[in-house]
Amino acid sequence: MSPLVNYETRDGIAVLELHNPPANAYSYDMFRELDEAILRARMDDGVHVILVRGAGDKFFCAGADIEMLERSSASYKYYFCLHANETLLRLEHTPKLVIAAINGHCVGGGLEVAMAADLRVAAAGGGKLGLPEIGLGVLPGTGGTQRLSRLVGSAKAIELMTTGERIGVEAAASLGLVTEVLSGDDFTESALSYARGFCPPGRAAKAAGYIKRAVKTGSEIPLESGLALERELQQQLFRSDDAAEGLAAFSAKRPPSFSGS
């Protein structure tokens, strides 16, 4: 059986490709492979950025396999959603920058996967984005109700989810749901080029990962606790090779050459 998540590394970028044609719908098996791929990228010191994309050029991911859900018991569906939540939390907790490269339609659980990334880039004039689960009589159950409201505000999130509206890439960018709109001519290369901008030697990738952790965790705890977390992460960075290089380069008035360590 061919893998449901293809894994490769390019120039310090781990590319995790959801692969289940035609719409890259996900199942428990796919999420188990995604979970393993996240851990693989996390443990690889040569990986500085994680990029998640869908196979092909029409769908990032259309969400969960509806036929699978229809024939599954309520208990199975509950544990399926629980594991999906755990997998996406693992993605968020990984102290490396995660970019979702939205190469086509990104709806339902597919958008929930993308929202667990730190940054979302999409092809200009590409597919639609939305959480249409209300049409199935359910709610977005893989983090959609929580992450969408944090990204676009509660009122807009409620509107989008209760209407089930699907919006274009440009409209998603205006809401802050999409971080950057890239050329659709060779979107894969545009997305990889964007990701390389966060890799050494030009960028201190370890610092980027710690910024992510400070923001993600700090936004959920009291300010004083967030400041304590920030200090601890900063202290770890002060001991890093990249901090030594950055400070030395600044003093020498030259561009830094970071190693990611």
C-alpha atoms as a PDB file:
ATOM      1  CA  MET A   1       0.000   0.000   0.000  1.00  0.00           C
ATOM      2  CA  SER A   2       1.363   3.427  -0.941  1.00  0.00           C
ATOM      3  CA  PRO A   3       1.914   5.917   1.885  1.00  0.00           C
ATOM      4  CA  LEU A   4      -0.852   8.338   2.761  1.00  0.00           C
ATOM      5  CA  VAL A   5       1.710  10.945   3.841  1.00  0.00           C
ATOM      6  CA  ASN A   6       4.777  11.359   1.666  1.00  0.00           C
ATOM      7  CA  TYR A   7       7.881  12.636   3.457  1.00  0.00           C
ATOM      8  CA  GLU A   8      10.977  14.258   1.993  1.00  0.00           C
ATOM      9  CA  THR A   9      13.495  16.896   2.990  1.00  0.00           C
ATOM     10  CA  ARG A  10      14.688  19.740   0.794  1.00  0.00           C
ATOM     11  CA  ASP A  11      17.258  22.301   1.903  1.00  0.00           C
ATOM     12  CA  GLY A  12      16.380  21.993   5.585  1.00  0.00           C
ATOM     13  CA  ILE A  13      12.622  21.800   4.909  1.00  0.00           C
ATOM     14  CA  ALA A  14      10.611  18.691   5.762  1.00  0.00           C
ATOM     15  CA  VAL A  15       7.810  18.414   3.203  1.00  0.00           C
ATOM     16  CA  LEU A  16       4.806  16.452   4.486  1.00  0.00           C
ATOM     17  CA  GLU A  17       2.458  15.714   1.592  1.00  0.00           C
ATOM     18  CA  LEU A  18      -1.082  14.431   2.239  1.00  0.00           C
ATOM     19  CA  HIS A  19      -1.624  11.824  -0.477  1.00  0.00           C
ATOM     20  CA  ASN A  20      -5.077  10.330  -0.997  1.00  0.00           C
ATOM     21  CA  PRO A  21      -6.354  11.241  -4.480  1.00  0.00           C
ATOM     22  CA  PRO A  22      -8.470  12.834  -5.656  1.00  0.00           C
ATOM     23  CA  ALA A  23      -9.266  15.094  -2.685  1.00  0.00           C
ATOM     24  CA  ASN A  24      -6.659  13.975  -0.093  1.00  0.00           C
ATOM     25  CA  ALA A  25      -9.404  13.188   2.410  1.00  0.00           C
ATOM     26  CA  TYR A  26      -7.996  11.869   5.660  1.00  0.00           C
ATOM     27  CA  SER A  27      -8.618   8.797   7.744  1.00  0.00           C
ATOM     28  CA  TYR A  28      -7.280   7.464  11.029  1.00  0.00           C
ATOM     29  CA  ASP A  29      -4.516   5.732   9.058  1.00  0.00           C
ATOM     30  CA  MET A  30      -3.491   8.984   7.384  1.00  0.00           C
ATOM     31  CA  PHE A  31      -3.361  10.792  10.713  1.00  0.00           C
ATOM     32  CA  ARG A  32      -1.208   8.040  12.183  1.00  0.00           C
ATOM     33  CA  GLU A  33       1.226   8.555   9.300  1.00  0.00           C
ATOM     34  CA  LEU A  34       1.028  12.322   9.742  1.00  0.00           C
ATOM     35  CA  ASP A  35       1.751  11.917  13.462  1.00  0.00           C
ATOM     36  CA  GLU A  36       4.839   9.818  12.664  1.00  0.00           C
ATOM     37  CA  ALA A  37       6.009  12.335  10.042  1.00  0.00           C
ATOM     38  CA  ILE A  38       5.710  15.207  12.522  1.00  0.00           C
ATOM     39  CA  LEU A  39       7.826  13.298  15.042  1.00  0.00           C
ATOM     40  CA  ARG A  40      10.382  12.454  12.346  1.00  0.00           C
ATOM     41  CA  ALA A  41      10.727  16.118  11.390  1.00  0.00           C
ATOM     42  CA  ARG A  42      10.828  17.193  15.038  1.00  0.00           C
ATOM     43  CA  MET A  43      13.700  14.836  15.871  1.00  0.00           C
ATOM     44  CA  ASP A  44      15.805  15.691  12.793  1.00  0.00           C
ATOM     45  CA  ASP A  45      18.317  18.443  13.636  1.00  0.00           C
ATOM     46  CA  GLY A  46      18.746  19.048   9.915  1.00  0.00           C
ATOM     47  CA  VAL A  47      15.087  20.085   9.560  1.00  0.00           C
ATOM     48  CA  HIS A  48      14.448  23.747  10.308  1.00  0.00           C
ATOM     49  CA  VAL A  49      10.978  24.269   8.796  1.00  0.00           C
ATOM     50  CA  ILE A  50       8.042  21.905   8.248  1.00  0.00           C
ATOM     51  CA  LEU A  51       5.888  22.434   5.148  1.00  0.00           C
ATOM     52  CA  VAL A  52       2.547  20.625   4.826  1.00  0.00           C
ATOM     53  CA  ARG A  53       0.861  20.363   1.429  1.00  0.00           C
ATOM     54  CA  GLY A  54      -1.610  18.229  -0.450  1.00  0.00           C
ATOM     55  CA  ALA A  55      -0.771  15.992  -3.403  1.00  0.00           C
ATOM     56  CA  GLY A  56      -1.728  17.351  -6.809  1.00  0.00           C
ATOM     57  CA  ASP A  57      -2.863  20.873  -7.556  1.00  0.00           C
ATOM     58  CA  LYS A  58      -6.630  20.808  -6.929  1.00  0.00           C
ATOM     59  CA  PHE A  59      -6.928  19.930  -3.238  1.00  0.00           C
ATOM     60  CA  PHE A  60      -4.900  20.646  -0.148  1.00  0.00           C
ATOM     61  CA  CYS A  61      -7.331  18.429   1.732  1.00  0.00           C
ATOM     62  CA  ALA A  62     -11.109  18.028   1.659  1.00  0.00           C
ATOM     63  CA  GLY A  63     -11.238  16.925   5.290  1.00  0.00           C
ATOM     64  CA  ALA A  64     -12.238  13.625   6.835  1.00  0.00           C
ATOM     65  CA  ASP A  65     -13.383  10.668   4.730  1.00  0.00           C
ATOM     66  CA  ILE A  66     -17.170  11.064   5.068  1.00  0.00           C
ATOM     67  CA  GLU A  67     -17.948   7.497   3.942  1.00  0.00           C
ATOM     68  CA  MET A  68     -15.636   6.210   6.674  1.00  0.00           C
ATOM     69  CA  LEU A  69     -17.405   8.349   9.272  1.00  0.00           C
ATOM     70  CA  GLU A  70     -20.854   7.245   8.094  1.00  0.00           C
ATOM     71  CA  ARG A  71     -20.097   3.564   8.628  1.00  0.00           C
ATOM     72  CA  SER A  72     -18.208   4.065  11.920  1.00  0.00           C
ATOM     73  CA  SER A  73     -19.630   3.835  15.420  1.00  0.00           C
ATOM     74  CA  ALA A  74     -20.028   6.935  17.590  1.00  0.00           C
ATOM     75  CA  SER A  75     -17.252   5.617  19.831  1.00  0.00           C
ATOM     76  CA  TYR A  76     -14.874   5.202  16.871  1.00  0.00           C
ATOM     77  CA  LYS A  77     -15.666   8.718  15.642  1.00  0.00           C
ATOM     78  CA  TYR A  78     -14.931  10.130  19.102  1.00  0.00           C
ATOM     79  CA  TYR A  79     -11.507   8.473  19.331  1.00  0.00           C
ATOM     80  CA  PHE A  80     -10.777   9.380  15.718  1.00  0.00           C
ATOM     81  CA  CYS A  81     -11.366  13.065  16.552  1.00  0.00           C
ATOM     82  CA  LEU A  82      -9.349  12.743  19.761  1.00  0.00           C
ATOM     83  CA  HIS A  83      -6.343  11.349  17.917  1.00  0.00           C
ATOM     84  CA  ALA A  84      -6.656  14.036  15.215  1.00  0.00           C
ATOM     85  CA  ASN A  85      -6.634  16.695  17.935  1.00  0.00           C
ATOM     86  CA  GLU A  86      -3.564  15.130  19.542  1.00  0.00           C
ATOM     87  CA  THR A  87      -1.755  14.983  16.197  1.00  0.00           C
ATOM     88  CA  LEU A  88      -2.400  18.640  15.377  1.00  0.00           C
ATOM     89  CA  LEU A  89      -1.389  19.679  18.887  1.00  0.00           C
ATOM     90  CA  ARG A  90       1.886  17.822  18.329  1.00  0.00           C
ATOM     91  CA  LEU A  91       2.354  19.917  15.191  1.00  0.00           C
ATOM     92  CA  GLU A  92       1.693  23.111  17.164  1.00  0.00           C
ATOM     93  CA  HIS A  93       3.958  22.083  20.031  1.00  0.00           C
ATOM     94  CA  THR A  94       6.933  21.317  17.784  1.00  0.00           C
ATOM     95  CA  PRO A  95       9.418  24.195  18.223  1.00  0.00           C
ATOM     96  CA  LYS A  96       9.993  24.527  14.484  1.00  0.00           C
ATOM     97  CA  LEU A  97       8.117  26.820  12.132  1.00  0.00           C
ATOM     98  CA  VAL A  98       5.244  25.034  10.346  1.00  0.00           C
ATOM     99  CA  ILE A  99       3.904  26.345   7.031  1.00  0.00           C
ATOM    100  CA  ALA A 100       0.753  25.067   5.322  1.00  0.00           C
ATOM    101  CA  ALA A 101       1.083  25.380   1.540  1.00  0.00           C
ATOM    102  CA  ILE A 102      -2.543  25.504   0.394  1.00  0.00           C
ATOM    103  CA  ASN A 103      -2.353  24.293  -3.187  1.00  0.00           C
ATOM    104  CA  GLY A 104      -6.082  23.956  -3.868  1.00  0.00           C
ATOM    105  CA  HIS A 105      -9.409  23.567  -2.109  1.00  0.00           C
ATOM    106  CA  CYS A 106      -8.967  23.492   1.650  1.00  0.00           C
ATOM    107  CA  VAL A 107     -12.226  22.733   3.419  1.00  0.00           C
ATOM    108  CA  GLY A 108     -13.543  21.029   6.523  1.00  0.00           C
ATOM    109  CA  GLY A 109     -10.860  19.066   8.302  1.00  0.00           C
ATOM    110  CA  GLY A 110      -8.375  20.153   5.647  1.00  0.00           C
ATOM    111  CA  LEU A 111      -8.687  23.747   6.805  1.00  0.00           C
ATOM    112  CA  GLU A 112      -8.421  22.527  10.395  1.00  0.00           C
ATOM    113  CA  VAL A 113      -5.054  20.941   9.508  1.00  0.00           C
ATOM    114  CA  ALA A 114      -3.909  24.165   7.846  1.00  0.00           C
ATOM    115  CA  MET A 115      -4.963  26.264  10.838  1.00  0.00           C
ATOM    116  CA  ALA A 116      -2.699  24.188  13.092  1.00  0.00           C
ATOM    117  CA  ALA A 117       0.256  25.506  11.079  1.00  0.00           C
ATOM    118  CA  ASP A 118       1.963  28.746  12.095  1.00  0.00           C
ATOM    119  CA  LEU A 119       1.750  30.338   8.663  1.00  0.00           C
ATOM    120  CA  ARG A 120      -0.516  29.616   5.705  1.00  0.00           C
ATOM    121  CA  VAL A 121       0.418  30.424   2.115  1.00  0.00           C
ATOM    122  CA  ALA A 122      -1.963  29.871  -0.781  1.00  0.00           C
ATOM    123  CA  ALA A 123      -1.847  29.981  -4.558  1.00  0.00           C
ATOM    124  CA  ALA A 124      -3.268  33.130  -6.125  1.00  0.00           C
ATOM    125  CA  GLY A 125      -6.657  32.402  -7.646  1.00  0.00           C
ATOM    126  CA  GLY A 126      -6.577  28.957  -6.041  1.00  0.00           C
ATOM    127  CA  GLY A 127      -9.284  26.926  -4.380  1.00  0.00           C
ATOM    128  CA  LYS A 128     -11.892  27.706  -1.768  1.00  0.00           C
ATOM    129  CA  LEU A 129     -11.483  27.625   2.004  1.00  0.00           C
ATOM    130  CA  GLY A 130     -14.205  26.958   4.543  1.00  0.00           C
ATOM    131  CA  LEU A 131     -15.697  24.887   7.327  1.00  0.00           C
ATOM    132  CA  PRO A 132     -18.992  23.557   5.911  1.00  0.00           C
ATOM    133  CA  GLU A 133     -19.626  20.869   8.572  1.00  0.00           C
ATOM    134  CA  ILE A 134     -22.965  22.420   9.529  1.00  0.00           C
ATOM    135  CA  GLY A 135     -24.321  20.980   6.285  1.00  0.00           C
ATOM    136  CA  LEU A 136     -23.669  17.533   7.770  1.00  0.00           C
ATOM    137  CA  GLY A 137     -25.389  18.413  11.030  1.00  0.00           C
ATOM    138  CA  VAL A 138     -22.120  18.534  12.979  1.00  0.00           C
ATOM    139  CA  LEU A 139     -19.497  21.085  14.000  1.00  0.00           C
ATOM    140  CA  PRO A 140     -15.846  21.368  12.901  1.00  0.00           C
ATOM    141  CA  GLY A 141     -14.443  18.756  15.288  1.00  0.00           C
ATOM    142  CA  THR A 142     -10.711  18.837  14.673  1.00  0.00           C
ATOM    143  CA  GLY A 143     -10.006  22.187  16.269  1.00  0.00           C
ATOM    144  CA  GLY A 144     -11.978  24.356  13.862  1.00  0.00           C
ATOM    145  CA  THR A 145     -14.191  26.091  16.416  1.00  0.00           C
ATOM    146  CA  GLN A 146     -11.160  26.976  18.520  1.00  0.00           C
ATOM    147  CA  ARG A 147      -8.512  27.878  15.964  1.00  0.00           C
ATOM    148  CA  LEU A 148     -10.704  29.809  13.520  1.00  0.00           C
ATOM    149  CA  SER A 149     -11.994  32.075  16.291  1.00  0.00           C
ATOM    150  CA  ARG A 150      -8.426  32.767  17.400  1.00  0.00           C
ATOM    151  CA  LEU A 151      -7.432  33.689  13.862  1.00  0.00           C
ATOM    152  CA  VAL A 152     -10.357  35.825  12.663  1.00  0.00           C
ATOM    153  CA  GLY A 153     -12.294  36.697  15.835  1.00  0.00           C
ATOM    154  CA  SER A 154     -15.332  34.991  17.328  1.00  0.00           C
ATOM    155  CA  ALA A 155     -18.081  36.824  15.397  1.00  0.00           C
ATOM    156  CA  LYS A 156     -16.560  36.183  11.956  1.00  0.00           C
ATOM    157  CA  ALA A 157     -15.711  32.609  12.901  1.00  0.00           C
ATOM    158  CA  ILE A 158     -19.290  31.929  14.000  1.00  0.00           C
ATOM    159  CA  GLU A 159     -20.608  33.473  10.782  1.00  0.00           C
ATOM    160  CA  LEU A 160     -18.325  31.384   8.573  1.00  0.00           C
ATOM    161  CA  MET A 161     -19.099  28.155  10.416  1.00  0.00           C
ATOM    162  CA  THR A 162     -22.876  28.624  10.769  1.00  0.00           C
ATOM    163  CA  THR A 163     -23.307  29.576   7.112  1.00  0.00           C
ATOM    164  CA  GLY A 164     -20.754  27.026   5.897  1.00  0.00           C
ATOM    165  CA  GLU A 165     -19.512  29.651   3.443  1.00  0.00           C
ATOM    166  CA  ARG A 166     -16.490  28.820   1.307  1.00  0.00           C
ATOM    167  CA  ILE A 167     -14.309  31.826   0.505  1.00  0.00           C
ATOM    168  CA  GLY A 168     -11.572  32.465  -2.029  1.00  0.00           C
ATOM    169  CA  VAL A 169      -7.876  32.823  -1.282  1.00  0.00           C
ATOM    170  CA  GLU A 170      -7.865  36.611  -1.533  1.00  0.00           C
ATOM    171  CA  ALA A 171     -10.839  36.939   0.842  1.00  0.00           C
ATOM    172  CA  ALA A 172      -9.131  34.543   3.263  1.00  0.00           C
ATOM    173  CA  ALA A 173      -6.003  36.691   3.131  1.00  0.00           C
ATOM    174  CA  SER A 174      -8.012  39.824   3.946  1.00  0.00           C
ATOM    175  CA  LEU A 175      -9.288  38.075   7.096  1.00  0.00           C
ATOM    176  CA  GLY A 176      -5.807  36.965   8.147  1.00  0.00           C
ATOM    177  CA  LEU A 177      -6.682  33.319   7.582  1.00  0.00           C
ATOM    178  CA  VAL A 178      -4.101  33.148   4.777  1.00  0.00           C
ATOM    179  CA  THR A 179      -0.743  34.724   5.615  1.00  0.00           C
ATOM    180  CA  GLU A 180       0.640  35.180   2.110  1.00  0.00           C
ATOM    181  CA  VAL A 181      -0.725  34.776  -1.417  1.00  0.00           C
ATOM    182  CA  LEU A 182       1.913  33.361  -3.757  1.00  0.00           C
ATOM    183  CA  SER A 183       2.161  32.916  -7.505  1.00  0.00           C
ATOM    184  CA  GLY A 184       0.133  29.991  -8.759  1.00  0.00           C
ATOM    185  CA  ASP A 185       2.339  29.420 -11.827  1.00  0.00           C
ATOM    186  CA  ASP A 186       4.690  27.095  -9.920  1.00  0.00           C
ATOM    187  CA  PHE A 187       3.126  27.161  -6.496  1.00  0.00           C
ATOM    188  CA  THR A 188       5.224  24.346  -5.055  1.00  0.00           C
ATOM    189  CA  GLU A 189       8.460  26.146  -5.840  1.00  0.00           C
ATOM    190  CA  SER A 190       7.009  29.456  -4.614  1.00  0.00           C
ATOM    191  CA  ALA A 191       6.041  27.818  -1.321  1.00  0.00           C
ATOM    192  CA  LEU A 192       9.453  26.179  -0.933  1.00  0.00           C
ATOM    193  CA  SER A 193      11.166  29.487  -1.683  1.00  0.00           C
ATOM    194  CA  TYR A 194       9.008  31.154   0.969  1.00  0.00           C
ATOM    195  CA  ALA A 195       9.916  28.416   3.467  1.00  0.00           C
ATOM    196  CA  ARG A 196      13.633  28.725   2.687  1.00  0.00           C
ATOM    197  CA  GLY A 197      13.412  32.326   3.851  1.00  0.00           C
ATOM    198  CA  PHE A 198      13.074  30.987   7.419  1.00  0.00           C
ATOM    199  CA  CYS A 199      16.047  28.606   7.174  1.00  0.00           C
ATOM    200  CA  PRO A 200      19.775  29.081   7.866  1.00  0.00           C
ATOM    201  CA  PRO A 201      22.050  30.674   6.928  1.00  0.00           C
ATOM    202  CA  GLY A 202      19.833  33.722   6.407  1.00  0.00           C
ATOM    203  CA  ARG A 203      17.459  33.179   9.332  1.00  0.00           C
ATOM    204  CA  ALA A 204      17.967  31.917  12.884  1.00  0.00           C
ATOM    205  CA  ALA A 205      15.535  28.999  12.649  1.00  0.00           C
ATOM    206  CA  LYS A 206      15.916  27.995  16.290  1.00  0.00           C
ATOM    207  CA  ALA A 207      14.923  31.493  17.392  1.00  0.00           C
ATOM    208  CA  ALA A 208      11.940  31.333  15.011  1.00  0.00           C
ATOM    209  CA  GLY A 209      10.837  28.072  16.634  1.00  0.00           C
ATOM    210  CA  TYR A 210      11.144  29.546  20.107  1.00  0.00           C
ATOM    211  CA  ILE A 211       9.219  32.658  19.065  1.00  0.00           C
ATOM    212  CA  LYS A 212       6.480  30.280  17.939  1.00  0.00           C
ATOM    213  CA  ARG A 213       6.470  28.462  21.282  1.00  0.00           C
ATOM    214  CA  ALA A 214       6.406  31.734  23.253  1.00  0.00           C
ATOM    215  CA  VAL A 215       3.444  33.027  21.248  1.00  0.00           C
ATOM    216  CA  LYS A 216       1.448  29.771  21.103  1.00  0.00           C
ATOM    217  CA  THR A 217       1.782  28.951  24.787  1.00  0.00           C
ATOM    218  CA  GLY A 218       1.945  32.524  26.039  1.00  0.00           C
ATOM    219  CA  SER A 219      -1.382  33.435  24.466  1.00  0.00           C
ATOM    220  CA  GLU A 220      -3.124  30.790  26.578  1.00  0.00           C
ATOM    221  CA  ILE A 221      -1.692  31.670  30.013  1.00  0.00           C
ATOM    222  CA  PRO A 222      -1.598  34.771  32.265  1.00  0.00           C
ATOM    223  CA  LEU A 223       0.783  37.557  31.228  1.00  0.00           C
ATOM    224  CA  GLU A 224       3.163  37.038  34.145  1.00  0.00           C
ATOM    225  CA  SER A 225       3.481  33.339  33.322  1.00  0.00           C
ATOM    226  CA  GLY A 226       3.979  34.197  29.637  1.00  0.00           C
ATOM    227  CA  LEU A 227       6.793  36.572  30.529  1.00  0.00           C
ATOM    228  CA  ALA A 228       8.437  33.846  32.617  1.00  0.00           C
ATOM    229  CA  LEU A 229       8.225  31.477  29.652  1.00  0.00           C
ATOM    230  CA  GLU A 230       9.690  34.148  27.381  1.00  0.00           C
ATOM    231  CA  ARG A 231      12.661  34.641  29.754  1.00  0.00           C
ATOM    232  CA  GLU A 232      13.375  30.906  29.908  1.00  0.00           C
ATOM    233  CA  LEU A 233      13.281  30.531  26.136  1.00  0.00           C
ATOM    234  CA  GLN A 234      15.472  33.610  25.746  1.00  0.00           C
ATOM    235  CA  GLN A 235      18.002  32.159  28.188  1.00  0.00           C
ATOM    236  CA  GLN A 236      18.200  28.991  26.093  1.00  0.00           C
ATOM    237  CA  LEU A 237      18.755  31.075  22.965  1.00  0.00           C
ATOM    238  CA  PHE A 238      21.502  33.106  24.673  1.00  0.00           C
ATOM    239  CA  ARG A 239      23.415  29.820  24.954  1.00  0.00           C
ATOM    240  CA  SER A 240      22.992  28.989  21.253  1.00  0.00           C
ATOM    241  CA  ASP A 241      25.547  29.259  18.456  1.00  0.00           C
ATOM    242  CA  ASP A 242      23.131  31.411  16.470  1.00  0.00           C
ATOM    243  CA  ALA A 243      22.875  34.026  19.223  1.00  0.00           C
ATOM    244  CA  ALA A 244      26.674  34.227  19.397  1.00  0.00           C
ATOM    245  CA  GLU A 245      26.820  34.585  15.617  1.00  0.00           C
ATOM    246  CA  GLY A 246      24.054  37.182  15.496  1.00  0.00           C
ATOM    247  CA  LEU A 247      25.641  39.383  18.141  1.00  0.00           C
ATOM    248  CA  ALA A 248      29.107  39.048  16.605  1.00  0.00           C
ATOM    249  CA  ALA A 249      27.796  39.855  13.117  1.00  0.00           C
ATOM    250  CA  PHE A 250      25.987  42.926  14.407  1.00  0.00           C
ATOM    251  CA  SER A 251      29.155  44.213  16.098  1.00  0.00           C
ATOM    252  CA  ALA A 252      31.217  43.511  12.978  1.00  0.00           C
ATOM    253  CA  LYS A 253      28.607  45.160  10.745  1.00  0.00           C
ATOM    254  CA  ARG A 254      28.291  42.082   8.520  1.00  0.00           C
ATOM    255  CA  PRO A 255      25.380  39.827   7.616  1.00  0.00           C
ATOM    256  CA  PRO A 256      24.993  36.891  10.005  1.00  0.00           C
ATOM    257  CA  SER A 257      25.440  33.308   8.832  1.00  0.00           C
ATOM    258  CA  PHE A 258      23.232  31.169  11.047  1.00  0.00           C
ATOM    259  CA  SER A 259      23.516  27.400  11.519  1.00  0.00           C
ATOM    260  CA  GLY A 260      20.205  26.672  13.247  1.00  0.00           C
ATOM    261  CA  SER A 261      21.952  25.575  16.426  1.00  0.00           C
END
